[in-house]
PDB file of all heavy atoms in Angstrom:
ATOM      1  N   ASP A   1     -52.646   4.454 -93.647  1.00  0.00           N
ATOM      2  CA  ASP A   1     -52.761   4.461 -92.207  1.00  0.00           C
ATOM      3  C   ASP A   1     -51.438   4.965 -91.576  1.00  0.00           C
ATOM      4  O   ASP A   1     -51.045   6.067 -91.777  1.00  0.00           O
ATOM      5  CB  ASP A   1     -53.177   3.098 -91.677  1.00  0.00           C
ATOM      6  CG  ASP A   1     -53.631   3.094 -90.198  1.00  0.00           C
ATOM      7  OD1 ASP A   1     -53.693   4.194 -89.616  1.00  0.00           O
ATOM      8  OD2 ASP A   1     -53.888   2.027 -89.649  1.00  0.00           O
ATOM      9  N   THR A   2     -50.829   4.110 -90.807  1.00  0.00           N
ATOM     10  CA  THR A   2     -49.617   4.550 -90.070  1.00  0.00           C
ATOM     11  C   THR A   2     -48.451   4.859 -90.994  1.00  0.00           C
ATOM     12  O   THR A   2     -48.164   4.090 -91.893  1.00  0.00           O
ATOM     13  CB  THR A   2     -49.235   3.477 -89.053  1.00  0.00           C
ATOM     14  OG1 THR A   2     -50.335   3.232 -88.130  1.00  0.00           O
ATOM     15  CG2 THR A   2     -48.004   3.932 -88.218  1.00  0.00           C
ATOM     16  N   MET A   3     -47.797   5.951 -90.729  1.00  0.00           N
ATOM     17  CA  MET A   3     -46.566   6.338 -91.457  1.00  0.00           C
ATOM     18  C   MET A   3     -45.419   6.391 -90.408  1.00  0.00           C
ATOM     19  O   MET A   3     -45.645   6.861 -89.267  1.00  0.00           O
ATOM     20  CB  MET A   3     -46.750   7.717 -92.103  1.00  0.00           C
ATOM     21  CG  MET A   3     -47.926   7.762 -93.102  1.00  0.00           C
ATOM     22  SD  MET A   3     -48.159   9.323 -93.919  1.00  0.00           S
ATOM     23  CE  MET A   3     -46.955   9.143 -95.249  1.00  0.00           C
ATOM     24  N   ARG A   4     -44.286   5.850 -90.813  1.00  0.00           N
ATOM     25  CA  ARG A   4     -43.177   5.708 -89.883  1.00  0.00           C
ATOM     26  C   ARG A   4     -41.912   6.316 -90.429  1.00  0.00           C
ATOM     27  O   ARG A   4     -41.728   6.403 -91.640  1.00  0.00           O
ATOM     28  CB  ARG A   4     -42.990   4.227 -89.617  1.00  0.00           C
ATOM     29  CG  ARG A   4     -44.184   3.513 -89.044  1.00  0.00           C
ATOM     30  CD  ARG A   4     -43.894   1.975 -88.920  1.00  0.00           C
ATOM     31  NE  ARG A   4     -45.033   1.292 -88.327  1.00  0.00           N
ATOM     32  CZ  ARG A   4     -46.049   0.848 -88.988  1.00  0.00           C
ATOM     33  NH1 ARG A   4     -46.109   1.019 -90.308  1.00  0.00           N
ATOM     34  NH2 ARG A   4     -47.058   0.232 -88.400  1.00  0.00           N
ATOM     35  N   TRP A   5     -41.043   6.664 -89.541  1.00  0.00           N
ATOM     36  CA  TRP A   5     -39.669   7.053 -89.826  1.00  0.00           C
ATOM     37  C   TRP A   5     -38.729   6.040 -89.189  1.00  0.00           C
ATOM     38  O   TRP A   5     -38.905   5.635 -87.997  1.00  0.00           O
ATOM     39  CB  TRP A   5     -39.346   8.459 -89.320  1.00  0.00           C
ATOM     40  CG  TRP A   5     -39.971   9.561 -90.065  1.00  0.00           C
ATOM     41  CD1 TRP A   5     -41.074  10.276 -89.769  1.00  0.00           C
ATOM     42  CD2 TRP A   5     -39.450  10.150 -91.272  1.00  0.00           C
ATOM     43  NE1 TRP A   5     -41.290  11.208 -90.673  1.00  0.00           N
ATOM     44  CE2 TRP A   5     -40.321  11.166 -91.637  1.00  0.00           C
ATOM     45  CE3 TRP A   5     -38.328   9.842 -92.063  1.00  0.00           C
ATOM     46  CZ2 TRP A   5     -40.155  11.967 -92.783  1.00  0.00           C
ATOM     47  CZ3 TRP A   5     -38.178  10.647 -93.197  1.00  0.00           C
ATOM     48  CH2 TRP A   5     -39.069  11.697 -93.562  1.00  0.00           C
ATOM     49  N   TYR A   6     -37.717   5.666 -89.917  1.00  0.00           N
ATOM     50  CA  TYR A   6     -36.634   4.836 -89.440  1.00  0.00           C
ATOM     51  C   TYR A   6     -35.337   5.557 -89.776  1.00  0.00           C
ATOM     52  O   TYR A   6     -35.288   6.484 -90.574  1.00  0.00           O
ATOM     53  CB  TYR A   6     -36.600   3.417 -90.158  1.00  0.00           C
ATOM     54  CG  TYR A   6     -37.733   2.515 -89.705  1.00  0.00           C
ATOM     55  CD1 TYR A   6     -39.015   2.657 -90.144  1.00  0.00           C
ATOM     56  CD2 TYR A   6     -37.474   1.464 -88.806  1.00  0.00           C
ATOM     57  CE1 TYR A   6     -39.997   1.783 -89.806  1.00  0.00           C
ATOM     58  CE2 TYR A   6     -38.459   0.607 -88.424  1.00  0.00           C
ATOM     59  CZ  TYR A   6     -39.708   0.752 -88.889  1.00  0.00           C
ATOM     60  OH  TYR A   6     -40.745  -0.085 -88.480  1.00  0.00           O
ATOM     61  N   ARG A   7     -34.246   5.045 -89.240  1.00  0.00           N
ATOM     62  CA  ARG A   7     -32.931   5.604 -89.582  1.00  0.00           C
ATOM     63  C   ARG A   7     -31.922   4.469 -89.482  1.00  0.00           C
ATOM     64  O   ARG A   7     -32.109   3.504 -88.813  1.00  0.00           O
ATOM     65  CB  ARG A   7     -32.563   6.751 -88.680  1.00  0.00           C
ATOM     66  CG  ARG A   7     -32.324   6.348 -87.200  1.00  0.00           C
ATOM     67  CD  ARG A   7     -32.063   7.567 -86.373  1.00  0.00           C
ATOM     68  NE  ARG A   7     -31.762   7.219 -84.987  1.00  0.00           N
ATOM     69  CZ  ARG A   7     -31.636   8.135 -83.995  1.00  0.00           C
ATOM     70  NH1 ARG A   7     -31.747   9.406 -84.254  1.00  0.00           N
ATOM     71  NH2 ARG A   7     -31.329   7.699 -82.764  1.00  0.00           N
ATOM     72  N   GLN A   8     -30.854   4.673 -90.266  1.00  0.00           N
ATOM     73  CA  GLN A   8     -29.745   3.705 -90.329  1.00  0.00           C
ATOM     74  C   GLN A   8     -28.456   4.458 -90.345  1.00  0.00           C
ATOM     75  O   GLN A   8     -28.148   5.224 -91.257  1.00  0.00           O
ATOM     76  CB  GLN A   8     -29.842   2.755 -91.525  1.00  0.00           C
ATOM     77  CG  GLN A   8     -28.875   1.695 -91.458  1.00  0.00           C
ATOM     78  CD  GLN A   8     -29.203   0.602 -92.507  1.00  0.00           C
ATOM     79  OE1 GLN A   8     -29.948   0.765 -93.463  1.00  0.00           O
ATOM     80  NE2 GLN A   8     -28.641  -0.603 -92.280  1.00  0.00           N
ATOM     81  N   ALA A   9     -27.667   4.243 -89.247  1.00  0.00           N
ATOM     82  CA  ALA A   9     -26.346   4.823 -89.208  1.00  0.00           C
ATOM     83  C   ALA A   9     -25.298   3.899 -89.809  1.00  0.00           C
ATOM     84  O   ALA A   9     -25.577   2.688 -89.871  1.00  0.00           O
ATOM     85  CB  ALA A   9     -25.992   5.104 -87.735  1.00  0.00           C
ATOM     86  N   PRO A  10     -24.138   4.412 -90.182  1.00  0.00           N
ATOM     87  CA  PRO A  10     -23.127   3.516 -90.805  1.00  0.00           C
ATOM     88  C   PRO A  10     -22.758   2.354 -89.903  1.00  0.00           C
ATOM     89  O   PRO A  10     -22.498   2.584 -88.712  1.00  0.00           O
ATOM     90  CB  PRO A  10     -21.953   4.459 -91.050  1.00  0.00           C
ATOM     91  CG  PRO A  10     -22.607   5.828 -91.187  1.00  0.00           C
ATOM     92  CD  PRO A  10     -23.707   5.799 -90.241  1.00  0.00           C
ATOM     93  N   GLY A  11     -22.795   1.151 -90.409  1.00  0.00           N
ATOM     94  CA  GLY A  11     -22.384  -0.026 -89.650  1.00  0.00           C
ATOM     95  C   GLY A  11     -23.449  -0.468 -88.646  1.00  0.00           C
ATOM     96  O   GLY A  11     -23.139  -1.400 -87.877  1.00  0.00           O
ATOM     97  N   LYS A  12     -24.577   0.136 -88.666  1.00  0.00           N
ATOM     98  CA  LYS A  12     -25.622  -0.268 -87.688  1.00  0.00           C
ATOM     99  C   LYS A  12     -26.854  -0.742 -88.429  1.00  0.00           C
ATOM    100  O   LYS A  12     -27.037  -0.416 -89.604  1.00  0.00           O
ATOM    101  CB  LYS A  12     -25.950   0.924 -86.765  1.00  0.00           C
ATOM    102  CG  LYS A  12     -24.822   1.311 -85.814  1.00  0.00           C
ATOM    103  CD  LYS A  12     -25.276   2.302 -84.816  1.00  0.00           C
ATOM    104  CE  LYS A  12     -24.166   2.629 -83.833  1.00  0.00           C
ATOM    105  NZ  LYS A  12     -24.635   3.568 -82.768  1.00  0.00           N
ATOM    106  N   GLN A  13     -27.713  -1.410 -87.703  1.00  0.00           N
ATOM    107  CA  GLN A  13     -29.001  -1.873 -88.304  1.00  0.00           C
ATOM    108  C   GLN A  13     -29.975  -0.723 -88.356  1.00  0.00           C
ATOM    109  O   GLN A  13     -29.900   0.243 -87.581  1.00  0.00           O
ATOM    110  CB  GLN A  13     -29.590  -2.975 -87.446  1.00  0.00           C
ATOM    111  CG  GLN A  13     -28.854  -4.316 -87.533  1.00  0.00           C
ATOM    112  CD  GLN A  13     -29.621  -5.455 -86.930  1.00  0.00           C
ATOM    113  OE1 GLN A  13     -30.362  -5.266 -86.023  1.00  0.00           O
ATOM    114  NE2 GLN A  13     -29.385  -6.676 -87.451  1.00  0.00           N
ATOM    115  N   ARG A  14     -30.857  -0.813 -89.227  1.00  0.00           N
ATOM    116  CA  ARG A  14     -31.959   0.184 -89.332  1.00  0.00           C
ATOM    117  C   ARG A  14     -32.789   0.124 -88.081  1.00  0.00           C
ATOM    118  O   ARG A  14     -33.151  -0.936 -87.576  1.00  0.00           O
ATOM    119  CB  ARG A  14     -32.869  -0.104 -90.562  1.00  0.00           C
ATOM    120  CG  ARG A  14     -33.792   1.005 -90.933  1.00  0.00           C
ATOM    121  CD  ARG A  14     -34.423   0.779 -92.307  1.00  0.00           C
ATOM    122  NE  ARG A  14     -33.432   0.803 -93.337  1.00  0.00           N
ATOM    123  CZ  ARG A  14     -33.754   0.786 -94.662  1.00  0.00           C
ATOM    124  NH1 ARG A  14     -35.050   0.724 -95.015  1.00  0.00           N
ATOM    125  NH2 ARG A  14     -32.817   0.769 -95.574  1.00  0.00           N
ATOM    126  N   GLU A  15     -33.138   1.338 -87.535  1.00  0.00           N
ATOM    127  CA  GLU A  15     -33.887   1.373 -86.288  1.00  0.00           C
ATOM    128  C   GLU A  15     -35.099   2.275 -86.434  1.00  0.00           C
ATOM    129  O   GLU A  15     -35.119   3.263 -87.159  1.00  0.00           O
ATOM    130  CB  GLU A  15     -33.001   1.836 -85.152  1.00  0.00           C
ATOM    131  CG  GLU A  15     -32.517   3.242 -85.245  1.00  0.00           C
ATOM    132  CD  GLU A  15     -31.713   3.718 -84.022  1.00  0.00           C
ATOM    133  OE1 GLU A  15     -31.441   2.881 -83.106  1.00  0.00           O
ATOM    134  OE2 GLU A  15     -31.387   4.895 -83.960  1.00  0.00           O
ATOM    135  N   TYR A  16     -36.117   1.933 -85.680  1.00  0.00           N
ATOM    136  CA  TYR A  16     -37.376   2.711 -85.627  1.00  0.00           C
ATOM    137  C   TYR A  16     -37.113   4.030 -84.954  1.00  0.00           C
ATOM    138  O   TYR A  16     -36.406   4.115 -83.893  1.00  0.00           O
ATOM    139  CB  TYR A  16     -38.387   1.844 -84.856  1.00  0.00           C
ATOM    140  CG  TYR A  16     -39.653   2.591 -84.398  1.00  0.00           C
ATOM    141  CD1 TYR A  16     -40.688   2.747 -85.306  1.00  0.00           C
ATOM    142  CD2 TYR A  16     -39.778   3.144 -83.173  1.00  0.00           C
ATOM    143  CE1 TYR A  16     -41.828   3.392 -84.890  1.00  0.00           C
ATOM    144  CE2 TYR A  16     -40.886   3.786 -82.763  1.00  0.00           C
ATOM    145  CZ  TYR A  16     -41.930   3.916 -83.650  1.00  0.00           C
ATOM    146  OH  TYR A  16     -43.060   4.572 -83.232  1.00  0.00           O
ATOM    147  N   VAL A  17     -37.762   5.093 -85.500  1.00  0.00           N
ATOM    148  CA  VAL A  17     -37.588   6.416 -84.909  1.00  0.00           C
ATOM    149  C   VAL A  17     -38.989   6.845 -84.328  1.00  0.00           C
ATOM    150  O   VAL A  17     -39.092   7.248 -83.166  1.00  0.00           O
ATOM    151  CB  VAL A  17     -37.096   7.408 -85.910  1.00  0.00           C
ATOM    152  CG1 VAL A  17     -37.091   8.847 -85.297  1.00  0.00           C
ATOM    153  CG2 VAL A  17     -35.684   7.037 -86.364  1.00  0.00           C
ATOM    154  N   ALA A  18     -39.978   6.876 -85.198  1.00  0.00           N
ATOM    155  CA  ALA A  18     -41.305   7.410 -84.768  1.00  0.00           C
ATOM    156  C   ALA A  18     -42.392   6.932 -85.733  1.00  0.00           C
ATOM    157  O   ALA A  18     -42.069   6.578 -86.894  1.00  0.00           O
ATOM    158  CB  ALA A  18     -41.234   8.929 -84.692  1.00  0.00           C
ATOM    159  N   SER A  19     -43.585   6.980 -85.302  1.00  0.00           N
ATOM    160  CA  SER A  19     -44.697   6.679 -86.150  1.00  0.00           C
ATOM    161  C   SER A  19     -45.909   7.478 -85.796  1.00  0.00           C
ATOM    162  O   SER A  19     -46.005   8.083 -84.670  1.00  0.00           O
ATOM    163  CB  SER A  19     -45.065   5.152 -86.057  1.00  0.00           C
ATOM    164  OG  SER A  19     -45.401   4.831 -84.716  1.00  0.00           O
ATOM    165  N   ILE A  20     -46.841   7.614 -86.728  1.00  0.00           N
ATOM    166  CA  ILE A  20     -48.047   8.393 -86.532  1.00  0.00           C
ATOM    167  C   ILE A  20     -49.179   7.749 -87.311  1.00  0.00           C
ATOM    168  O   ILE A  20     -49.052   7.369 -88.480  1.00  0.00           O
ATOM    169  CB  ILE A  20     -47.845   9.896 -86.903  1.00  0.00           C
ATOM    170  CG1 ILE A  20     -49.101  10.675 -86.511  1.00  0.00           C
ATOM    171  CG2 ILE A  20     -47.493  10.036 -88.352  1.00  0.00           C
ATOM    172  CD1 ILE A  20     -48.865  12.199 -86.552  1.00  0.00           C
ATOM    173  N   SER A  21     -50.325   7.569 -86.622  1.00  0.00           N
ATOM    174  CA  SER A  21     -51.502   6.991 -87.275  1.00  0.00           C
ATOM    175  C   SER A  21     -52.219   8.026 -88.042  1.00  0.00           C
ATOM    176  O   SER A  21     -51.905   9.232 -87.942  1.00  0.00           O
ATOM    177  CB  SER A  21     -52.398   6.424 -86.239  1.00  0.00           C
ATOM    178  OG  SER A  21     -53.059   7.442 -85.494  1.00  0.00           O
ATOM    179  N   ARG A  22     -53.210   7.630 -88.830  1.00  0.00           N
ATOM    180  CA  ARG A  22     -53.966   8.553 -89.624  1.00  0.00           C
ATOM    181  C   ARG A  22     -54.740   9.589 -88.766  1.00  0.00           C
ATOM    182  O   ARG A  22     -54.915  10.694 -89.145  1.00  0.00           O
ATOM    183  CB  ARG A  22     -54.942   7.830 -90.538  1.00  0.00           C
ATOM    184  CG  ARG A  22     -55.692   8.713 -91.487  1.00  0.00           C
ATOM    185  CD  ARG A  22     -56.411   7.948 -92.610  1.00  0.00           C
ATOM    186  NE  ARG A  22     -57.042   8.870 -93.489  1.00  0.00           N
ATOM    187  CZ  ARG A  22     -56.409   9.475 -94.509  1.00  0.00           C
ATOM    188  NH1 ARG A  22     -55.128   9.271 -94.701  1.00  0.00           N
ATOM    189  NH2 ARG A  22     -57.034  10.338 -95.298  1.00  0.00           N
ATOM    190  N   THR A  23     -55.043   9.101 -87.575  1.00  0.00           N
ATOM    191  CA  THR A  23     -55.816   9.946 -86.635  1.00  0.00           C
ATOM    192  C   THR A  23     -54.875  10.838 -85.737  1.00  0.00           C
ATOM    193  O   THR A  23     -55.385  11.600 -84.932  1.00  0.00           O
ATOM    194  CB  THR A  23     -56.678   9.166 -85.759  1.00  0.00           C
ATOM    195  OG1 THR A  23     -55.926   8.224 -85.014  1.00  0.00           O
ATOM    196  CG2 THR A  23     -57.758   8.375 -86.525  1.00  0.00           C
ATOM    197  N   GLY A  24     -53.581  10.675 -85.967  1.00  0.00           N
ATOM    198  CA  GLY A  24     -52.620  11.511 -85.248  1.00  0.00           C
ATOM    199  C   GLY A  24     -52.013  10.966 -84.024  1.00  0.00           C
ATOM    200  O   GLY A  24     -51.241  11.656 -83.306  1.00  0.00           O
ATOM    201  N   LEU A  25     -52.275   9.738 -83.730  1.00  0.00           N
ATOM    202  CA  LEU A  25     -51.587   9.121 -82.579  1.00  0.00           C
ATOM    203  C   LEU A  25     -50.128   8.854 -82.880  1.00  0.00           C
ATOM    204  O   LEU A  25     -49.843   8.219 -83.938  1.00  0.00           O
ATOM    205  CB  LEU A  25     -52.312   7.829 -82.188  1.00  0.00           C
ATOM    206  CG  LEU A  25     -53.716   7.957 -81.645  1.00  0.00           C
ATOM    207  CD1 LEU A  25     -54.366   6.609 -81.410  1.00  0.00           C
ATOM    208  CD2 LEU A  25     -53.731   8.774 -80.320  1.00  0.00           C
ATOM    209  N   SER A  26     -49.246   9.304 -82.087  1.00  0.00           N
ATOM    210  CA  SER A  26     -47.858   9.197 -82.346  1.00  0.00           C
ATOM    211  C   SER A  26     -47.070   8.356 -81.320  1.00  0.00           C
ATOM    212  O   SER A  26     -47.552   8.180 -80.169  1.00  0.00           O
ATOM    213  CB  SER A  26     -47.192  10.607 -82.453  1.00  0.00           C
ATOM    214  OG  SER A  26     -47.350  11.311 -81.224  1.00  0.00           O
ATOM    215  N   ASN A  27     -45.980   7.895 -81.793  1.00  0.00           N
ATOM    216  CA  ASN A  27     -45.169   7.042 -80.869  1.00  0.00           C
ATOM    217  C   ASN A  27     -43.656   7.296 -81.217  1.00  0.00           C
ATOM    218  O   ASN A  27     -43.356   7.607 -82.393  1.00  0.00           O
ATOM    219  CB  ASN A  27     -45.464   5.547 -81.079  1.00  0.00           C
ATOM    220  CG  ASN A  27     -44.834   4.704 -79.941  1.00  0.00           C
ATOM    221  OD1 ASN A  27     -44.820   5.059 -78.793  1.00  0.00           O
ATOM    222  ND2 ASN A  27     -44.283   3.593 -80.338  1.00  0.00           N
ATOM    223  N   TYR A  28     -42.751   7.168 -80.264  1.00  0.00           N
ATOM    224  CA  TYR A  28     -41.400   7.546 -80.475  1.00  0.00           C
ATOM    225  C   TYR A  28     -40.456   6.506 -79.865  1.00  0.00           C
ATOM    226  O   TYR A  28     -40.787   5.919 -78.833  1.00  0.00           O
ATOM    227  CB  TYR A  28     -41.094   8.913 -79.858  1.00  0.00           C
ATOM    228  CG  TYR A  28     -41.869  10.074 -80.413  1.00  0.00           C
ATOM    229  CD1 TYR A  28     -43.079  10.456 -79.866  1.00  0.00           C
ATOM    230  CD2 TYR A  28     -41.394  10.758 -81.577  1.00  0.00           C
ATOM    231  CE1 TYR A  28     -43.806  11.495 -80.426  1.00  0.00           C
ATOM    232  CE2 TYR A  28     -42.131  11.800 -82.111  1.00  0.00           C
ATOM    233  CZ  TYR A  28     -43.309  12.126 -81.542  1.00  0.00           C
ATOM    234  OH  TYR A  28     -44.043  13.190 -82.050  1.00  0.00           O
ATOM    235  N   ALA A  29     -39.301   6.339 -80.442  1.00  0.00           N
ATOM    236  CA  ALA A  29     -38.236   5.613 -79.806  1.00  0.00           C
ATOM    237  C   ALA A  29     -37.772   6.435 -78.625  1.00  0.00           C
ATOM    238  O   ALA A  29     -37.791   7.664 -78.633  1.00  0.00           O
ATOM    239  CB  ALA A  29     -37.118   5.427 -80.812  1.00  0.00           C
ATOM    240  N   GLY A  30     -37.287   5.691 -77.618  1.00  0.00           N
ATOM    241  CA  GLY A  30     -36.769   6.441 -76.441  1.00  0.00           C
ATOM    242  C   GLY A  30     -35.661   7.359 -76.661  1.00  0.00           C
ATOM    243  O   GLY A  30     -35.514   8.374 -76.003  1.00  0.00           O
ATOM    244  N   THR A  31     -34.842   7.094 -77.704  1.00  0.00           N
ATOM    245  CA  THR A  31     -33.651   7.913 -77.937  1.00  0.00           C
ATOM    246  C   THR A  31     -34.026   9.236 -78.489  1.00  0.00           C
ATOM    247  O   THR A  31     -33.159  10.175 -78.503  1.00  0.00           O
ATOM    248  CB  THR A  31     -32.732   7.159 -78.918  1.00  0.00           C
ATOM    249  OG1 THR A  31     -33.472   6.712 -80.036  1.00  0.00           O
ATOM    250  CG2 THR A  31     -32.107   5.957 -78.260  1.00  0.00           C
ATOM    251  N   VAL A  32     -35.224   9.450 -79.026  1.00  0.00           N
ATOM    252  CA  VAL A  32     -35.587  10.701 -79.658  1.00  0.00           C
ATOM    253  C   VAL A  32     -36.776  11.382 -78.988  1.00  0.00           C
ATOM    254  O   VAL A  32     -37.065  12.534 -79.278  1.00  0.00           O
ATOM    255  CB  VAL A  32     -35.911  10.497 -81.177  1.00  0.00           C
ATOM    256  CG1 VAL A  32     -34.773   9.778 -81.878  1.00  0.00           C
ATOM    257  CG2 VAL A  32     -37.255   9.742 -81.362  1.00  0.00           C
ATOM    258  N   LYS A  33     -37.432  10.689 -78.071  1.00  0.00           N
ATOM    259  CA  LYS A  33     -38.564  11.224 -77.381  1.00  0.00           C
ATOM    260  C   LYS A  33     -38.212  12.556 -76.675  1.00  0.00           C
ATOM    261  O   LYS A  33     -37.213  12.603 -76.001  1.00  0.00           O
ATOM    262  CB  LYS A  33     -39.144  10.219 -76.401  1.00  0.00           C
ATOM    263  CG  LYS A  33     -40.543  10.507 -76.018  1.00  0.00           C
ATOM    264  CD  LYS A  33     -41.111   9.293 -75.237  1.00  0.00           C
ATOM    265  CE  LYS A  33     -42.612   9.472 -74.952  1.00  0.00           C
ATOM    266  NZ  LYS A  33     -43.201   8.316 -74.268  1.00  0.00           N
ATOM    267  N   GLY A  34     -39.037  13.503 -76.886  1.00  0.00           N
ATOM    268  CA  GLY A  34     -38.797  14.846 -76.321  1.00  0.00           C
ATOM    269  C   GLY A  34     -37.982  15.768 -77.190  1.00  0.00           C
ATOM    270  O   GLY A  34     -37.926  16.996 -76.941  1.00  0.00           O
ATOM    271  N   ARG A  35     -37.349  15.201 -78.198  1.00  0.00           N
ATOM    272  CA  ARG A  35     -36.530  16.025 -79.146  1.00  0.00           C
ATOM    273  C   ARG A  35     -37.123  16.079 -80.558  1.00  0.00           C
ATOM    274  O   ARG A  35     -37.008  17.059 -81.252  1.00  0.00           O
ATOM    275  CB  ARG A  35     -35.097  15.502 -79.221  1.00  0.00           C
ATOM    276  CG  ARG A  35     -34.403  15.501 -77.859  1.00  0.00           C
ATOM    277  CD  ARG A  35     -32.941  15.117 -78.032  1.00  0.00           C
ATOM    278  NE  ARG A  35     -32.749  13.781 -78.532  1.00  0.00           N
ATOM    279  CZ  ARG A  35     -32.116  13.428 -79.623  1.00  0.00           C
ATOM    280  NH1 ARG A  35     -31.549  14.451 -80.380  1.00  0.00           N
ATOM    281  NH2 ARG A  35     -31.994  12.240 -80.046  1.00  0.00           N
ATOM    282  N   PHE A  36     -37.710  14.960 -80.923  1.00  0.00           N
ATOM    283  CA  PHE A  36     -38.299  14.859 -82.280  1.00  0.00           C
ATOM    284  C   PHE A  36     -39.799  14.897 -82.181  1.00  0.00           C
ATOM    285  O   PHE A  36     -40.378  14.418 -81.223  1.00  0.00           O
ATOM    286  CB  PHE A  36     -37.915  13.544 -82.903  1.00  0.00           C
ATOM    287  CG  PHE A  36     -36.466  13.415 -83.308  1.00  0.00           C
ATOM    288  CD1 PHE A  36     -35.519  14.313 -82.873  1.00  0.00           C
ATOM    289  CD2 PHE A  36     -36.017  12.325 -84.111  1.00  0.00           C
ATOM    290  CE1 PHE A  36     -34.191  14.188 -83.212  1.00  0.00           C
ATOM    291  CE2 PHE A  36     -34.692  12.186 -84.453  1.00  0.00           C
ATOM    292  CZ  PHE A  36     -33.751  13.118 -84.024  1.00  0.00           C
ATOM    293  N   THR A  37     -40.447  15.454 -83.234  1.00  0.00           N
ATOM    294  CA  THR A  37     -41.892  15.497 -83.297  1.00  0.00           C
ATOM    295  C   THR A  37     -42.356  15.038 -84.693  1.00  0.00           C
ATOM    296  O   THR A  37     -41.853  15.602 -85.701  1.00  0.00           O
ATOM    297  CB  THR A  37     -42.453  16.879 -83.045  1.00  0.00           C
ATOM    298  OG1 THR A  37     -42.048  17.336 -81.712  1.00  0.00           O
ATOM    299  CG2 THR A  37     -43.978  16.872 -83.089  1.00  0.00           C
ATOM    300  N   ILE A  38     -43.215  14.017 -84.687  1.00  0.00           N
ATOM    301  CA  ILE A  38     -43.736  13.552 -85.938  1.00  0.00           C
ATOM    302  C   ILE A  38     -45.126  14.159 -86.161  1.00  0.00           C
ATOM    303  O   ILE A  38     -45.899  14.291 -85.241  1.00  0.00           O
ATOM    304  CB  ILE A  38     -43.781  11.978 -85.992  1.00  0.00           C
ATOM    305  CG1 ILE A  38     -44.081  11.492 -87.402  1.00  0.00           C
ATOM    306  CG2 ILE A  38     -44.710  11.447 -84.953  1.00  0.00           C
ATOM    307  CD1 ILE A  38     -43.917   9.995 -87.538  1.00  0.00           C
TER     308      ILE A  38
END
């Protein structure tokens, strides 16, 4: 079903980036919305 991307910068906690359902519904973190495409 849903597949997700996370990221972790040095010294920071892992954070959510984006996700997409099997049917193609996508969601993005505000920091990447408009720049990243899943």
